[in-house]
Amino acid sequence: MQSSVTGAAAPQSAELSALRRGSDYAQLSRQIRQAGLMERRPGRYAWRITVTVLLLAASWTGFVLVGNSWWQLAIAALLAVMFTQVGFLGHDAGHRQISRSRRVSSILGVLLGNLGVGMSYDWWINKHTRHHAHPNIEGADPDISVGALAFTSRQASDSKGPLSILFRYQAYLFFPLLLGEATSLHVASIRALASGSTRNRFTEAALLATHIAGYLTIVFLVLPPVKAVVFMVVNQGLFGLYLGASFAPNHKGMPIMTAEDECDFLRRQALTSRNITGDWLTDLTLGGLNYQIEHHLFPSMPRSNLRRAQPLVRDFCLRREVPYCQTSLTASYAQALRHLDTVGKTVRRRDALAATARQVAP
């Protein structure tokens, strides 16, 4: 883990005086805005969306042209990549990185989410907004709530039955579990729409149904049943793996806080987030999520501006003695897995003590 960084150029004396007014975050925010990094990049996003949609269409065209062949598994992998890239664009729309307009962002989000990848945009944005407001805060962040994984010793200690067994070996099962992430998102979206807990329920339901019906129709028209099922398993499994593996480095293994922890906005976001080092290919592969600290501090900052904002944020954190975690992708996975294994040991110790107690009981 690296927290030492190179600093950005020092501001002029008049600017420095202005930056000192207000909270640390207010000072950083003024610096970022003065650098023009919060300005939207509609031209760049128009190009990115166009290229992504064309590549998605080309992937489906390739699927039709390849026809009844096991080479379709390569197309399944390609489509998994394209679905994830569409999902990244939906994420950007949800944060209003593409447009300041709530309406335009919502329309883009629904089209990219529901129609593009088969996920309810409104369900996801509600969940994701709560995550951004309470990152890694136990009991408040939905991303670390009890599910297939336990992120705190308390969650692990309270587990019973099959979950207890799962939590014991969760570090080893983490990546295999990600293979079901896409299916989990589809199911959660359908449940949310069926319960009526989302806005634009009928529009979202219609677009989600169109995605599912179109996906199943084209797959079963081109492939015989067995190959069609194998194709869908591979495609959705890799989609979930890629999507989950892109979000996993951001917070997993970072400090988990409670509601009682007193911490200002800047430190709460920086302490619980982790950046991934790399070049333009890392930016593309992870959809800009590799700049997680900058993204959490300025969620509406366009993705293409995050790289420029990073040295400013790092230098500011260094001068304020705010921890700034930056590491490689493989190291981030290692940190996340070590944390999951440490939590899993809580269950293993508990079960071992219970077994010992049963053996010595009269």
Protein backbone atom coordinates (compact mmCIF):
# COMPACT_ATOMS: atom_id res chain seq x y z
CA MET A 1 0.00 0.00 0.00
CA GLN A 2 1.41 3.36 -0.95
CA SER A 3 0.36 6.65 0.57
CA SER A 4 3.34 8.78 -0.40
CA VAL A 5 2.75 10.82 -3.54
CA THR A 6 4.31 13.51 -5.63
CA GLY A 7 2.74 16.89 -5.08
CA ALA A 8 1.05 19.17 -7.57
CA ALA A 9 2.34 22.68 -8.21
CA ALA A 10 1.70 25.01 -5.29
CA PRO A 11 -1.03 27.59 -5.88
CA GLN A 12 -0.23 31.28 -5.97
CA SER A 13 -0.40 33.19 -2.69
CA ALA A 14 -3.79 34.79 -3.45
CA GLU A 15 -5.26 31.43 -4.44
CA LEU A 16 -3.75 29.79 -1.36
CA SER A 17 -5.43 32.36 0.86
CA ALA A 18 -8.78 31.62 -0.79
CA LEU A 19 -8.33 27.87 -0.50
CA ARG A 20 -7.71 28.11 3.23
CA ARG A 21 -11.25 29.34 3.87
CA GLY A 22 -13.78 26.68 4.91
CA SER A 23 -13.38 22.95 5.55
CA ASP A 24 -10.62 20.85 4.02
CA TYR A 25 -13.07 19.42 1.50
CA ALA A 26 -14.34 22.90 0.58
CA GLN A 27 -10.77 24.00 -0.07
CA LEU A 28 -10.06 20.96 -2.23
CA SER A 29 -13.35 21.43 -4.06
CA ARG A 30 -12.50 25.02 -4.96
CA GLN A 31 -9.11 23.91 -6.26
CA ILE A 32 -10.71 21.23 -8.41
CA ARG A 33 -13.33 23.60 -9.82
CA GLN A 34 -10.76 26.29 -10.54
CA ALA A 35 -8.88 23.70 -12.60
CA GLY A 36 -12.06 23.15 -14.66
CA LEU A 37 -12.24 19.47 -13.75
CA MET A 38 -15.97 19.47 -12.97
CA GLU A 39 -16.89 20.65 -16.47
CA ARG A 40 -18.82 18.06 -18.47
CA ARG A 41 -17.28 16.52 -21.61
CA PRO A 42 -20.33 15.90 -23.85
CA GLY A 43 -18.27 15.47 -27.02
CA ARG A 44 -16.03 12.83 -25.47
CA TYR A 45 -19.01 10.97 -24.00
CA ALA A 46 -20.89 11.10 -27.31
CA TRP A 47 -17.86 9.48 -28.96
CA ARG A 48 -17.51 6.90 -26.15
CA ILE A 49 -21.19 5.93 -26.20
CA THR A 50 -21.24 5.69 -30.00
CA VAL A 51 -18.15 3.46 -30.14
CA THR A 52 -19.41 1.24 -27.30
CA VAL A 53 -22.85 0.77 -28.88
CA LEU A 54 -21.31 0.03 -32.28
CA LEU A 55 -18.95 -2.55 -30.77
CA LEU A 56 -21.87 -4.14 -28.92
CA ALA A 57 -23.84 -4.31 -32.18
CA ALA A 58 -20.78 -5.73 -33.98
CA SER A 59 -20.45 -8.41 -31.29
CA TRP A 60 -24.05 -9.51 -31.83
CA THR A 61 -23.51 -9.42 -35.60
CA GLY A 62 -20.52 -11.69 -35.12
CA PHE A 63 -22.69 -13.99 -33.03
CA VAL A 64 -25.18 -14.36 -35.89
CA LEU A 65 -22.45 -14.85 -38.50
CA VAL A 66 -20.56 -17.50 -36.51
CA GLY A 67 -23.77 -19.50 -36.18
CA ASN A 68 -23.94 -23.01 -34.75
CA SER A 69 -20.36 -23.36 -33.51
CA TRP A 70 -18.51 -23.74 -30.25
CA TRP A 71 -16.54 -20.67 -31.30
CA GLN A 72 -19.56 -18.84 -29.92
CA LEU A 73 -17.93 -19.14 -26.50
CA ALA A 74 -15.39 -16.55 -27.68
CA ILE A 75 -18.32 -14.30 -28.65
CA ALA A 76 -19.81 -14.94 -25.21
CA ALA A 77 -16.61 -13.58 -23.62
CA LEU A 78 -16.57 -10.60 -25.98
CA LEU A 79 -20.20 -9.76 -25.16
CA ALA A 80 -19.43 -10.02 -21.44
CA VAL A 81 -16.79 -7.33 -21.92
CA MET A 82 -19.17 -5.14 -23.91
CA PHE A 83 -22.01 -5.53 -21.37
CA THR A 84 -19.63 -4.39 -18.65
CA GLN A 85 -18.50 -1.39 -20.70
CA VAL A 86 -22.16 -0.44 -21.22
CA GLY A 87 -22.62 -0.83 -17.47
CA PHE A 88 -19.75 1.60 -16.84
CA LEU A 89 -21.52 4.18 -19.02
CA GLY A 90 -24.73 3.63 -17.04
CA HIS A 91 -22.71 4.25 -13.87
CA ASP A 92 -21.43 7.53 -15.33
CA ALA A 93 -24.95 8.57 -16.30
CA GLY A 94 -26.20 7.80 -12.81
CA HIS A 95 -23.65 10.22 -11.34
CA ARG A 96 -24.51 12.90 -13.92
CA GLN A 97 -21.03 12.79 -15.34
CA ILE A 98 -22.41 12.87 -18.87
CA SER A 99 -24.99 15.63 -18.40
CA ARG A 100 -25.95 17.99 -15.59
CA SER A 101 -29.61 17.40 -16.41
CA ARG A 102 -31.36 14.94 -14.12
CA ARG A 103 -33.81 14.05 -16.89
CA VAL A 104 -31.15 13.44 -19.55
CA SER A 105 -29.08 11.40 -17.08
CA SER A 106 -32.11 9.33 -16.13
CA ILE A 107 -33.02 8.62 -19.76
CA LEU A 108 -29.46 7.58 -20.57
CA GLY A 109 -29.26 5.49 -17.41
CA VAL A 110 -32.49 3.64 -18.12
CA LEU A 111 -31.51 2.94 -21.74
CA LEU A 112 -27.99 1.79 -20.85
CA GLY A 113 -29.04 -0.12 -17.74
CA ASN A 114 -32.41 -1.69 -18.44
CA LEU A 115 -32.17 -2.09 -22.20
CA GLY A 116 -28.39 -2.40 -22.49
CA VAL A 117 -27.49 -4.88 -19.73
CA GLY A 118 -30.80 -5.96 -18.17
CA MET A 119 -30.53 -4.15 -14.84
CA SER A 120 -33.00 -1.75 -13.23
CA TYR A 121 -31.40 1.68 -13.30
CA ASP A 122 -33.57 3.16 -10.54
CA TRP A 123 -33.01 0.20 -8.21
CA TRP A 124 -29.27 0.39 -8.77
CA ILE A 125 -28.96 4.18 -8.42
CA ASN A 126 -30.82 4.14 -5.09
CA LYS A 127 -28.51 1.44 -3.78
CA HIS A 128 -25.38 3.07 -5.17
CA THR A 129 -26.26 6.50 -3.78
CA ARG A 130 -26.51 5.01 -0.28
CA HIS A 131 -23.12 3.41 -0.80
CA HIS A 132 -21.54 6.74 -1.76
CA ALA A 133 -23.07 8.47 1.26
CA HIS A 134 -21.87 5.76 3.68
CA PRO A 135 -18.87 3.94 2.16
CA ASN A 136 -17.77 0.96 4.24
CA ILE A 137 -19.94 2.07 7.17
CA GLU A 138 -21.38 -0.98 8.87
CA GLY A 139 -25.16 -0.98 8.90
CA ALA A 140 -25.42 1.86 6.37
CA ASP A 141 -23.50 0.80 3.27
CA PRO A 142 -25.60 -1.71 1.28
CA ASP A 143 -22.45 -2.99 -0.43
CA ILE A 144 -21.20 -4.52 2.84
CA SER A 145 -24.55 -5.76 4.12
CA VAL A 146 -24.88 -9.45 4.91
CA GLY A 147 -25.23 -11.50 1.76
CA ALA A 148 -23.03 -14.17 0.22
CA LEU A 149 -20.04 -12.58 1.97
CA ALA A 150 -19.36 -11.33 5.49
CA PHE A 151 -17.29 -8.17 5.75
CA THR A 152 -17.10 -7.78 9.53
CA SER A 153 -16.45 -10.12 12.43
CA ARG A 154 -19.89 -9.29 13.81
CA GLN A 155 -21.58 -10.43 10.61
CA ALA A 156 -19.54 -13.61 10.59
CA SER A 157 -20.13 -14.37 14.29
CA ASP A 158 -23.90 -14.00 13.91
CA SER A 159 -24.08 -16.38 10.93
CA LYS A 160 -25.83 -19.73 11.12
CA GLY A 161 -26.51 -22.69 8.87
CA PRO A 162 -25.26 -22.66 5.24
CA LEU A 163 -24.07 -19.05 5.49
CA SER A 164 -21.77 -20.04 8.34
CA ILE A 165 -20.11 -22.65 6.14
CA LEU A 166 -19.88 -20.20 3.25
CA PHE A 167 -18.28 -17.48 5.38
CA ARG A 168 -15.62 -19.89 6.69
CA TYR A 169 -14.12 -20.25 3.21
CA GLN A 170 -15.28 -17.01 1.61
CA ALA A 171 -11.78 -15.87 0.66
CA TYR A 172 -11.42 -18.97 -1.52
CA LEU A 173 -14.93 -18.65 -2.92
CA PHE A 174 -14.81 -14.93 -3.68
CA PHE A 175 -14.02 -15.07 -7.39
CA PRO A 176 -16.20 -18.14 -8.07
CA LEU A 177 -19.10 -16.30 -6.39
CA LEU A 178 -18.61 -13.36 -8.76
CA LEU A 179 -19.63 -15.66 -11.62
CA GLY A 180 -23.19 -15.32 -10.31
CA GLU A 181 -23.09 -11.53 -9.90
CA ALA A 182 -24.84 -10.73 -13.20
CA THR A 183 -27.65 -13.18 -12.47
CA SER A 184 -27.99 -11.68 -8.99
CA LEU A 185 -28.35 -8.18 -10.47
CA HIS A 186 -30.99 -9.38 -12.95
CA VAL A 187 -32.99 -11.08 -10.21
CA ALA A 188 -32.74 -8.10 -7.84
CA SER A 189 -33.89 -5.79 -10.64
CA ILE A 190 -36.92 -7.94 -11.43
CA ARG A 191 -37.84 -8.11 -7.75
CA ALA A 192 -37.56 -4.33 -7.37
CA LEU A 193 -39.74 -3.69 -10.39
CA ALA A 194 -42.28 -6.31 -9.32
CA SER A 195 -42.54 -4.77 -5.85
CA GLY A 196 -43.23 -1.33 -7.25
CA SER A 197 -40.38 0.23 -5.29
CA THR A 198 -38.89 2.04 -8.29
CA ARG A 199 -39.82 5.15 -10.23
CA ASN A 200 -40.72 4.82 -13.91
CA ARG A 201 -41.70 1.27 -13.04
CA PHE A 202 -43.54 0.45 -16.25
CA THR A 203 -40.97 2.03 -18.56
CA GLU A 204 -38.15 0.22 -16.82
CA ALA A 205 -40.08 -3.05 -16.80
CA ALA A 206 -40.79 -2.77 -20.53
CA LEU A 207 -37.16 -2.08 -21.39
CA LEU A 208 -35.89 -4.82 -19.08
CA ALA A 209 -38.36 -7.29 -20.62
CA THR A 210 -37.21 -6.20 -24.09
CA HIS A 211 -33.59 -6.90 -23.16
CA ILE A 212 -34.37 -10.34 -21.73
CA ALA A 213 -36.72 -11.33 -24.57
CA GLY A 214 -34.31 -10.09 -27.25
CA TYR A 215 -31.36 -11.85 -25.62
CA LEU A 216 -33.16 -15.20 -25.31
CA THR A 217 -34.68 -14.97 -28.78
CA ILE A 218 -31.46 -14.34 -30.66
CA VAL A 219 -29.52 -16.95 -28.67
CA PHE A 220 -32.08 -19.72 -29.18
CA LEU A 221 -32.69 -18.81 -32.83
CA VAL A 222 -29.00 -19.12 -33.69
CA LEU A 223 -27.95 -21.98 -31.40
CA PRO A 224 -29.43 -25.37 -30.53
CA PRO A 225 -30.67 -25.67 -26.93
CA VAL A 226 -27.54 -27.21 -25.37
CA LYS A 227 -25.15 -24.73 -26.97
CA ALA A 228 -27.54 -21.88 -26.19
CA VAL A 229 -27.56 -22.75 -22.48
CA VAL A 230 -23.76 -23.13 -22.40
CA PHE A 231 -23.39 -19.79 -24.21
CA MET A 232 -25.62 -18.02 -21.67
CA VAL A 233 -23.85 -19.59 -18.70
CA VAL A 234 -20.44 -18.51 -20.02
CA ASN A 235 -21.62 -15.06 -21.10
CA GLN A 236 -23.46 -14.18 -17.90
CA GLY A 237 -20.79 -15.77 -15.72
CA LEU A 238 -17.98 -13.76 -17.32
CA PHE A 239 -20.13 -10.63 -17.29
CA GLY A 240 -20.61 -10.99 -13.55
CA LEU A 241 -16.95 -11.83 -12.99
CA TYR A 242 -15.71 -8.81 -14.95
CA LEU A 243 -18.21 -6.44 -13.37
CA GLY A 244 -17.61 -7.70 -9.83
CA ALA A 245 -13.84 -7.77 -10.26
CA SER A 246 -13.94 -4.14 -11.44
CA PHE A 247 -15.74 -2.93 -8.32
CA ALA A 248 -13.99 -5.25 -5.82
CA PRO A 249 -10.65 -3.36 -5.62
CA ASN A 250 -12.35 -0.11 -4.61
CA HIS A 251 -13.29 -0.73 -0.96
CA LYS A 252 -12.85 -4.41 -0.08
CA GLY A 253 -10.18 -4.75 2.58
CA MET A 254 -10.24 -1.05 3.43
CA PRO A 255 -11.20 0.15 6.95
CA ILE A 256 -14.81 -0.48 7.95
CA MET A 257 -16.32 2.25 10.10
CA THR A 258 -19.39 2.55 12.28
CA ALA A 259 -21.96 5.31 12.51
CA GLU A 260 -20.32 6.41 15.78
CA ASP A 261 -16.97 7.12 14.14
CA GLU A 262 -16.50 10.86 13.88
CA CYS A 263 -14.97 11.69 10.54
CA ASP A 264 -15.42 14.52 8.07
CA PHE A 265 -16.44 13.93 4.46
CA LEU A 266 -12.94 14.15 3.00
CA ARG A 267 -11.42 11.66 5.43
CA ARG A 268 -14.38 9.28 5.37
CA GLN A 269 -14.20 8.97 1.60
CA ALA A 270 -10.39 8.77 1.41
CA LEU A 271 -9.98 6.33 4.31
CA THR A 272 -12.42 3.81 2.89
CA SER A 273 -11.38 3.97 -0.78
CA ARG A 274 -8.45 2.60 -2.72
CA ASN A 275 -6.97 3.67 -6.06
CA ILE A 276 -5.46 1.30 -8.61
CA THR A 277 -2.27 2.26 -10.42
CA GLY A 278 -1.98 1.86 -14.17
CA ASP A 279 -2.12 3.54 -17.55
CA TRP A 280 -4.85 4.31 -20.10
CA LEU A 281 -5.59 0.60 -20.50
CA THR A 282 -6.36 0.34 -16.78
CA ASP A 283 -8.64 3.37 -17.13
CA LEU A 284 -10.49 1.68 -19.99
CA THR A 285 -10.64 -1.78 -18.41
CA LEU A 286 -11.92 -0.53 -15.04
CA GLY A 287 -14.14 2.20 -16.44
CA GLY A 288 -12.42 4.91 -14.41
CA LEU A 289 -13.17 3.12 -11.15
CA ASN A 290 -9.44 2.86 -10.58
CA TYR A 291 -9.62 6.51 -9.45
CA GLN A 292 -11.94 5.55 -6.62
CA ILE A 293 -10.82 8.22 -4.16
CA GLU A 294 -11.33 11.03 -6.66
CA HIS A 295 -14.61 9.50 -7.79
CA HIS A 296 -15.96 9.30 -4.24
CA LEU A 297 -14.90 12.84 -3.46
CA PHE A 298 -16.36 14.20 -6.72
CA PRO A 299 -18.93 11.67 -8.02
CA SER A 300 -20.15 13.91 -10.86
CA MET A 301 -16.66 14.52 -12.23
CA PRO A 302 -16.48 13.17 -15.82
CA ARG A 303 -14.50 9.98 -16.08
CA SER A 304 -11.91 11.50 -18.45
CA ASN A 305 -11.06 14.21 -15.88
CA LEU A 306 -10.25 11.80 -13.04
CA ARG A 307 -6.67 11.18 -14.19
CA ARG A 308 -6.00 14.94 -14.22
CA ALA A 309 -7.60 15.37 -10.80
CA GLN A 310 -5.57 12.62 -9.15
CA PRO A 311 -2.28 14.52 -8.56
CA LEU A 312 -4.22 17.49 -7.15
CA VAL A 313 -6.12 15.26 -4.72
CA ARG A 314 -3.03 13.27 -3.72
CA ASP A 315 -1.03 16.42 -3.03
CA PHE A 316 -3.87 17.93 -1.01
CA CYS A 317 -4.24 14.76 1.07
CA LEU A 318 -0.49 14.60 1.63
CA ARG A 319 -0.39 18.18 2.89
CA ARG A 320 -3.38 17.52 5.20
CA GLU A 321 -1.94 14.16 6.37
CA VAL A 322 -5.00 12.35 5.04
CA PRO A 323 -4.24 8.68 4.18
CA TYR A 324 -4.27 8.06 0.44
CA CYS A 325 -4.18 4.37 -0.57
CA GLN A 326 -2.88 3.50 -4.01
CA THR A 327 -1.75 0.07 -5.10
CA SER A 328 -1.66 -2.33 -8.04
CA LEU A 329 -4.68 -4.35 -9.13
CA THR A 330 -3.21 -7.66 -7.97
CA ALA A 331 -2.19 -6.18 -4.61
CA SER A 332 -5.71 -4.81 -4.13
CA TYR A 333 -7.18 -8.27 -4.67
CA ALA A 334 -4.66 -9.71 -2.21
CA GLN A 335 -5.69 -7.15 0.41
CA ALA A 336 -9.37 -7.87 -0.16
CA LEU A 337 -8.87 -11.64 0.09
CA ARG A 338 -6.78 -11.33 3.25
CA HIS A 339 -9.56 -9.30 4.84
CA LEU A 340 -12.21 -11.85 3.84
CA ASP A 341 -10.03 -14.66 5.20
CA THR A 342 -9.52 -12.81 8.49
CA VAL A 343 -13.29 -12.46 8.85
CA GLY A 344 -13.71 -16.11 7.89
CA LYS A 345 -11.34 -17.11 10.68
CA THR A 346 -13.85 -15.67 13.14
CA VAL A 347 -16.34 -18.34 12.09
CA ARG A 348 -13.71 -21.07 12.06
CA ARG A 349 -12.58 -20.19 15.60
CA ARG A 350 -16.17 -20.00 16.82
CA ASP A 351 -17.01 -23.39 15.35
CA ALA A 352 -13.79 -24.92 16.71
CA LEU A 353 -14.59 -23.66 20.22
CA ALA A 354 -18.15 -24.99 19.94
CA ALA A 355 -16.85 -28.40 18.84
CA THR A 356 -14.39 -28.48 21.74
CA ALA A 357 -17.13 -27.55 24.19
CA ARG A 358 -19.33 -30.40 22.92
CA GLN A 359 -16.49 -32.88 23.33
CA VAL A 360 -15.81 -31.97 26.96
CA ALA A 361 -19.46 -31.63 27.93
CA PRO A 362 -20.64 -34.41 30.33
